[in-house]
N, C-alpha and C. Protein backbone atom coordinates (compact mmCIF):
# COMPACT_ATOMS: atom_id res chain seq x y z
N MET A 1 40.62 70.51 75.15
CA MET A 1 41.63 70.08 76.09
C MET A 1 40.99 69.81 77.44
N SER A 2 41.34 68.72 78.06
CA SER A 2 40.79 68.40 79.37
C SER A 2 41.44 69.30 80.42
N LYS A 3 40.82 69.35 81.58
CA LYS A 3 41.35 70.17 82.68
C LYS A 3 42.75 69.71 83.04
N SER A 4 42.97 68.39 83.09
CA SER A 4 44.31 67.91 83.44
C SER A 4 45.32 68.28 82.35
N GLY A 5 44.87 68.33 81.09
CA GLY A 5 45.76 68.74 80.00
C GLY A 5 46.15 70.21 80.12
N ILE A 6 45.20 71.05 80.46
CA ILE A 6 45.47 72.48 80.65
C ILE A 6 46.39 72.67 81.85
N ASP A 7 46.10 71.97 82.95
CA ASP A 7 46.95 72.09 84.13
C ASP A 7 48.36 71.61 83.83
N GLY A 8 48.48 70.53 83.11
CA GLY A 8 49.80 70.01 82.75
C GLY A 8 50.57 71.00 81.90
N PHE A 9 49.87 71.59 80.93
CA PHE A 9 50.52 72.60 80.08
C PHE A 9 50.94 73.81 80.93
N SER A 10 50.08 74.22 81.82
CA SER A 10 50.35 75.36 82.68
C SER A 10 51.59 75.13 83.53
N PHE A 11 51.69 73.95 84.13
CA PHE A 11 52.86 73.62 84.96
C PHE A 11 54.12 73.54 84.11
N ALA A 12 54.01 72.94 82.92
CA ALA A 12 55.17 72.83 82.03
C ALA A 12 55.64 74.22 81.59
N MET A 13 54.70 75.09 81.26
CA MET A 13 55.05 76.45 80.85
C MET A 13 55.68 77.21 82.01
N LYS A 14 55.15 77.05 83.19
CA LYS A 14 55.70 77.73 84.37
C LYS A 14 57.14 77.28 84.61
N ASP A 15 57.40 75.98 84.52
CA ASP A 15 58.76 75.45 84.68
C ASP A 15 59.69 75.97 83.60
N PHE A 16 59.21 75.99 82.37
CA PHE A 16 60.01 76.48 81.26
C PHE A 16 60.39 77.95 81.45
N LEU A 17 59.41 78.77 81.81
CA LEU A 17 59.67 80.19 82.00
C LEU A 17 60.61 80.44 83.18
N ALA A 18 60.51 79.64 84.22
CA ALA A 18 61.43 79.77 85.36
C ALA A 18 62.86 79.44 84.93
N GLU A 19 63.01 78.42 84.10
CA GLU A 19 64.34 78.04 83.60
C GLU A 19 64.91 79.15 82.71
N VAL A 20 64.09 79.71 81.84
CA VAL A 20 64.54 80.80 80.97
C VAL A 20 64.96 82.01 81.82
N ALA A 21 64.21 82.31 82.86
CA ALA A 21 64.54 83.45 83.73
C ALA A 21 65.90 83.24 84.40
N VAL A 22 66.17 82.03 84.87
CA VAL A 22 67.46 81.74 85.51
C VAL A 22 68.59 81.87 84.51
N GLU A 23 68.41 81.31 83.32
CA GLU A 23 69.45 81.38 82.29
C GLU A 23 69.69 82.82 81.83
N THR A 24 68.63 83.59 81.69
CA THR A 24 68.75 84.99 81.27
C THR A 24 69.47 85.80 82.33
N LEU A 25 69.14 85.58 83.58
CA LEU A 25 69.79 86.28 84.68
C LEU A 25 71.29 85.96 84.70
N ALA A 26 71.64 84.71 84.54
CA ALA A 26 73.05 84.31 84.54
C ALA A 26 73.79 84.95 83.36
N ALA A 27 73.17 84.99 82.21
CA ALA A 27 73.79 85.61 81.03
C ALA A 27 73.95 87.11 81.24
N ARG A 28 72.96 87.73 81.83
CA ARG A 28 73.05 89.18 82.10
C ARG A 28 74.19 89.47 83.07
N GLU A 29 74.33 88.66 84.11
CA GLU A 29 75.41 88.86 85.09
C GLU A 29 76.78 88.66 84.42
N ARG A 30 76.91 87.64 83.57
CA ARG A 30 78.17 87.43 82.83
C ARG A 30 78.47 88.63 81.94
N GLY A 31 77.45 89.12 81.26
CA GLY A 31 77.61 90.28 80.38
C GLY A 31 78.04 91.51 81.16
N LEU A 32 77.42 91.73 82.31
CA LEU A 32 77.80 92.87 83.14
C LEU A 32 79.24 92.74 83.64
N ASP A 33 79.63 91.54 84.02
CA ASP A 33 81.02 91.32 84.45
C ASP A 33 82.00 91.62 83.32
N LYS A 34 81.70 91.12 82.13
CA LYS A 34 82.60 91.35 80.99
C LYS A 34 82.62 92.82 80.57
N ALA A 35 81.46 93.45 80.52
CA ALA A 35 81.40 94.86 80.15
C ALA A 35 82.09 95.71 81.22
N GLY A 36 81.92 95.34 82.48
CA GLY A 36 82.59 96.06 83.56
C GLY A 36 84.09 95.93 83.49
N ALA A 37 84.58 94.74 83.17
CA ALA A 37 86.03 94.54 83.01
C ALA A 37 86.56 95.38 81.86
N GLU A 38 85.79 95.48 80.80
CA GLU A 38 86.19 96.31 79.65
C GLU A 38 86.21 97.78 80.04
N LEU A 39 85.22 98.23 80.82
CA LEU A 39 85.19 99.61 81.30
C LEU A 39 86.42 99.90 82.16
N ILE A 40 86.76 98.99 83.06
CA ILE A 40 87.95 99.17 83.92
C ILE A 40 89.19 99.30 83.05
N ASN A 41 89.32 98.45 82.06
CA ASN A 41 90.46 98.52 81.14
C ASN A 41 90.50 99.87 80.42
N ASP A 42 89.35 100.33 79.94
CA ASP A 42 89.28 101.62 79.25
C ASP A 42 89.63 102.77 80.19
N LEU A 43 89.14 102.71 81.43
CA LEU A 43 89.45 103.77 82.39
C LEU A 43 90.95 103.78 82.74
N GLU A 44 91.54 102.60 82.89
CA GLU A 44 92.98 102.53 83.15
C GLU A 44 93.75 103.18 82.00
N ASN A 45 93.33 102.92 80.77
CA ASN A 45 94.01 103.47 79.60
C ASN A 45 93.78 104.96 79.40
N HIS A 46 92.69 105.50 79.96
CA HIS A 46 92.38 106.92 79.77
C HIS A 46 92.66 107.77 81.00
N THR A 47 93.08 107.17 82.09
CA THR A 47 93.46 107.95 83.26
C THR A 47 94.73 108.72 82.91
N PRO A 48 94.80 110.01 83.26
CA PRO A 48 95.99 110.78 82.91
C PRO A 48 97.28 110.06 83.28
N PRO A 49 98.27 110.07 82.39
CA PRO A 49 99.48 109.27 82.56
C PRO A 49 100.33 109.62 83.78
N LYS A 50 100.27 110.85 84.26
CA LYS A 50 101.06 111.23 85.43
C LYS A 50 100.54 110.59 86.72
N THR A 51 99.41 109.91 86.64
CA THR A 51 98.79 109.33 87.82
C THR A 51 98.88 107.80 87.76
N GLY A 52 100.08 107.30 87.62
CA GLY A 52 100.27 105.85 87.46
C GLY A 52 99.56 105.01 88.50
N LYS A 53 99.66 105.42 89.76
CA LYS A 53 99.00 104.68 90.84
C LYS A 53 97.48 104.75 90.67
N THR A 54 96.99 105.91 90.31
CA THR A 54 95.55 106.08 90.13
C THR A 54 95.05 105.23 88.96
N ALA A 55 95.80 105.19 87.89
CA ALA A 55 95.40 104.40 86.72
C ALA A 55 95.26 102.92 87.08
N LYS A 56 96.09 102.44 87.98
CA LYS A 56 96.05 101.02 88.37
C LYS A 56 95.13 100.75 89.56
N SER A 57 94.39 101.77 89.99
CA SER A 57 93.54 101.62 91.18
C SER A 57 92.06 101.47 90.85
N TRP A 58 91.74 101.17 89.61
CA TRP A 58 90.35 100.95 89.23
C TRP A 58 89.92 99.54 89.62
N VAL A 59 88.74 99.42 90.23
CA VAL A 59 88.20 98.12 90.61
C VAL A 59 86.72 98.07 90.22
N LEU A 60 86.28 96.87 89.90
CA LEU A 60 84.87 96.65 89.59
C LEU A 60 84.21 96.08 90.83
N THR A 61 83.15 96.72 91.27
CA THR A 61 82.45 96.30 92.48
C THR A 61 81.08 95.75 92.12
N THR A 62 80.76 94.62 92.70
CA THR A 62 79.44 94.01 92.54
C THR A 62 78.77 94.02 93.91
N LYS A 63 77.89 94.96 94.13
CA LYS A 63 77.20 95.03 95.41
C LYS A 63 75.77 94.48 95.30
N TYR A 64 75.17 94.71 94.14
CA TYR A 64 73.80 94.28 93.91
C TYR A 64 73.72 93.49 92.61
N GLN A 65 72.80 92.57 92.57
CA GLN A 65 72.57 91.81 91.35
C GLN A 65 72.11 92.77 90.26
N GLY A 66 72.71 92.65 89.08
CA GLY A 66 72.33 93.48 87.96
C GLY A 66 72.98 94.86 87.95
N VAL A 67 73.92 95.09 88.85
CA VAL A 67 74.57 96.40 88.95
C VAL A 67 76.07 96.19 89.11
N ARG A 68 76.86 96.99 88.40
CA ARG A 68 78.31 96.99 88.57
C ARG A 68 78.75 98.43 88.76
N TYR A 69 79.73 98.63 89.64
CA TYR A 69 80.30 99.95 89.89
C TYR A 69 81.77 99.93 89.55
N ALA A 70 82.23 100.96 88.83
CA ALA A 70 83.65 101.15 88.59
C ALA A 70 84.12 102.17 89.63
N ASN A 71 85.02 101.75 90.50
CA ASN A 71 85.52 102.62 91.56
C ASN A 71 87.03 102.77 91.44
N ASN A 72 87.51 103.89 91.92
CA ASN A 72 88.95 104.10 91.99
C ASN A 72 89.32 104.28 93.45
N THR A 73 90.30 103.52 93.92
CA THR A 73 90.65 103.48 95.34
C THR A 73 91.82 104.39 95.71
N SER A 74 92.36 105.13 94.78
CA SER A 74 93.53 105.98 95.03
C SER A 74 93.11 107.27 95.75
N LEU A 75 93.76 107.53 96.89
CA LEU A 75 93.47 108.72 97.70
C LEU A 75 94.73 109.58 97.82
N ASN A 76 94.54 110.89 97.99
CA ASN A 76 95.69 111.75 98.23
C ASN A 76 96.00 111.76 99.73
N ALA A 77 96.95 112.58 100.16
CA ALA A 77 97.36 112.63 101.57
C ALA A 77 96.22 113.05 102.50
N ASN A 78 95.25 113.78 101.98
CA ASN A 78 94.09 114.21 102.78
C ASN A 78 92.91 113.24 102.67
N ARG A 79 93.16 112.08 102.09
CA ARG A 79 92.17 111.02 101.91
C ARG A 79 91.03 111.43 100.97
N ILE A 80 91.32 112.32 100.04
CA ILE A 80 90.36 112.71 99.02
C ILE A 80 90.64 111.86 97.79
N PRO A 81 89.60 111.25 97.21
CA PRO A 81 89.80 110.44 96.01
C PRO A 81 90.43 111.26 94.88
N ILE A 82 91.56 110.80 94.40
CA ILE A 82 92.28 111.52 93.35
C ILE A 82 91.43 111.63 92.08
N VAL A 83 90.69 110.59 91.76
CA VAL A 83 89.88 110.63 90.54
C VAL A 83 88.83 111.74 90.63
N ASN A 84 88.33 112.03 91.82
CA ASN A 84 87.36 113.13 91.97
C ASN A 84 88.01 114.47 91.62
N MET A 85 89.25 114.66 92.05
CA MET A 85 89.96 115.91 91.73
C MET A 85 90.24 115.99 90.24
N LEU A 86 90.60 114.85 89.64
CA LEU A 86 90.87 114.83 88.20
C LEU A 86 89.60 115.11 87.40
N GLU A 87 88.51 114.59 87.87
CA GLU A 87 87.25 114.70 87.13
C GLU A 87 86.53 116.03 87.40
N TYR A 88 86.53 116.48 88.66
CA TYR A 88 85.69 117.63 89.03
C TYR A 88 86.47 118.82 89.58
N GLY A 89 87.78 118.68 89.77
CA GLY A 89 88.58 119.75 90.36
C GLY A 89 88.71 120.96 89.45
N ARG A 90 89.15 122.05 90.05
CA ARG A 90 89.33 123.31 89.32
C ARG A 90 90.25 123.15 88.12
N ARG A 91 91.30 122.38 88.30
CA ARG A 91 92.25 122.15 87.21
C ARG A 91 92.08 120.74 86.62
N GLY A 92 90.94 120.16 86.87
CA GLY A 92 90.69 118.80 86.41
C GLY A 92 90.59 118.68 84.91
N LYS A 93 90.81 117.48 84.46
CA LYS A 93 90.66 117.15 83.04
C LYS A 93 89.72 115.94 82.98
N PRO A 94 88.42 116.22 82.96
CA PRO A 94 87.44 115.13 83.02
C PRO A 94 87.69 114.05 81.97
N PHE A 95 87.64 112.81 82.40
CA PHE A 95 87.87 111.70 81.48
C PHE A 95 86.96 110.51 81.77
N VAL A 96 86.44 110.39 82.98
CA VAL A 96 85.65 109.21 83.35
C VAL A 96 84.36 109.17 82.54
N ARG A 97 83.57 110.23 82.62
CA ARG A 97 82.29 110.28 81.89
C ARG A 97 82.53 110.19 80.39
N LYS A 98 83.57 110.87 79.89
CA LYS A 98 83.87 110.84 78.45
C LYS A 98 84.21 109.42 78.01
N THR A 99 85.01 108.73 78.83
CA THR A 99 85.39 107.35 78.50
C THR A 99 84.16 106.46 78.44
N TYR A 100 83.31 106.56 79.45
CA TYR A 100 82.10 105.75 79.49
C TYR A 100 81.19 106.07 78.30
N ASN A 101 80.91 107.36 78.12
CA ASN A 101 79.98 107.76 77.04
C ASN A 101 80.47 107.37 75.66
N SER A 102 81.77 107.46 75.43
CA SER A 102 82.28 107.15 74.09
C SER A 102 82.35 105.65 73.83
N ASN A 103 82.16 104.84 74.86
CA ASN A 103 82.24 103.38 74.70
C ASN A 103 80.96 102.66 75.08
N ILE A 104 79.90 103.38 75.36
CA ILE A 104 78.68 102.74 75.87
C ILE A 104 78.13 101.70 74.90
N GLU A 105 78.23 101.96 73.62
CA GLU A 105 77.73 100.98 72.63
C GLU A 105 78.53 99.68 72.72
N LYS A 106 79.83 99.79 72.92
CA LYS A 106 80.67 98.59 73.07
C LYS A 106 80.24 97.79 74.30
N TYR A 107 79.99 98.48 75.41
CA TYR A 107 79.57 97.78 76.64
C TYR A 107 78.21 97.13 76.45
N ASN A 108 77.29 97.84 75.81
CA ASN A 108 75.96 97.27 75.54
C ASN A 108 76.08 96.02 74.66
N ASN A 109 76.94 96.09 73.64
CA ASN A 109 77.10 94.93 72.74
C ASN A 109 77.70 93.73 73.47
N ILE A 110 78.56 93.96 74.43
CA ILE A 110 79.11 92.85 75.23
C ILE A 110 77.98 92.17 75.99
N ILE A 111 77.14 92.95 76.62
CA ILE A 111 76.02 92.39 77.40
C ILE A 111 75.04 91.66 76.47
N ILE A 112 74.70 92.28 75.36
CA ILE A 112 73.79 91.66 74.39
C ILE A 112 74.36 90.36 73.86
N GLY A 113 75.67 90.36 73.60
CA GLY A 113 76.34 89.14 73.13
C GLY A 113 76.19 87.98 74.09
N GLU A 114 76.30 88.28 75.38
CA GLU A 114 76.12 87.22 76.39
C GLU A 114 74.67 86.74 76.43
N LEU A 115 73.74 87.64 76.26
CA LEU A 115 72.33 87.25 76.26
C LEU A 115 71.97 86.42 75.04
N GLN A 116 72.66 86.66 73.93
CA GLN A 116 72.37 85.92 72.69
C GLN A 116 73.00 84.53 72.66
N LYS A 117 73.94 84.27 73.54
CA LYS A 117 74.59 82.95 73.55
C LYS A 117 73.62 81.87 73.98
């Protein structure tokens, strides 16, 4: 192969890999959005029923690329997050970690599905 042939191949490969990286990143972000929406739905369904406002206060936050946060915005009169009391309080009935852990395979499959498209 001539030097110009190697250089041409090198540039073509670099362009190809850059395109694959962009497409993979976009698919990963779509997968995270979909998996995050599913997590929010699962958390709404598993939030204790007496906390109607709290169950509807789940939001998905995107602060950083490649990261999603499930947050609950419901506060009590003292501005303490109600979900913290439900999860960690003396009389709490933990459900957030259990919900996530019991569905992690489903969330992973959603992300993988987007990457495979």
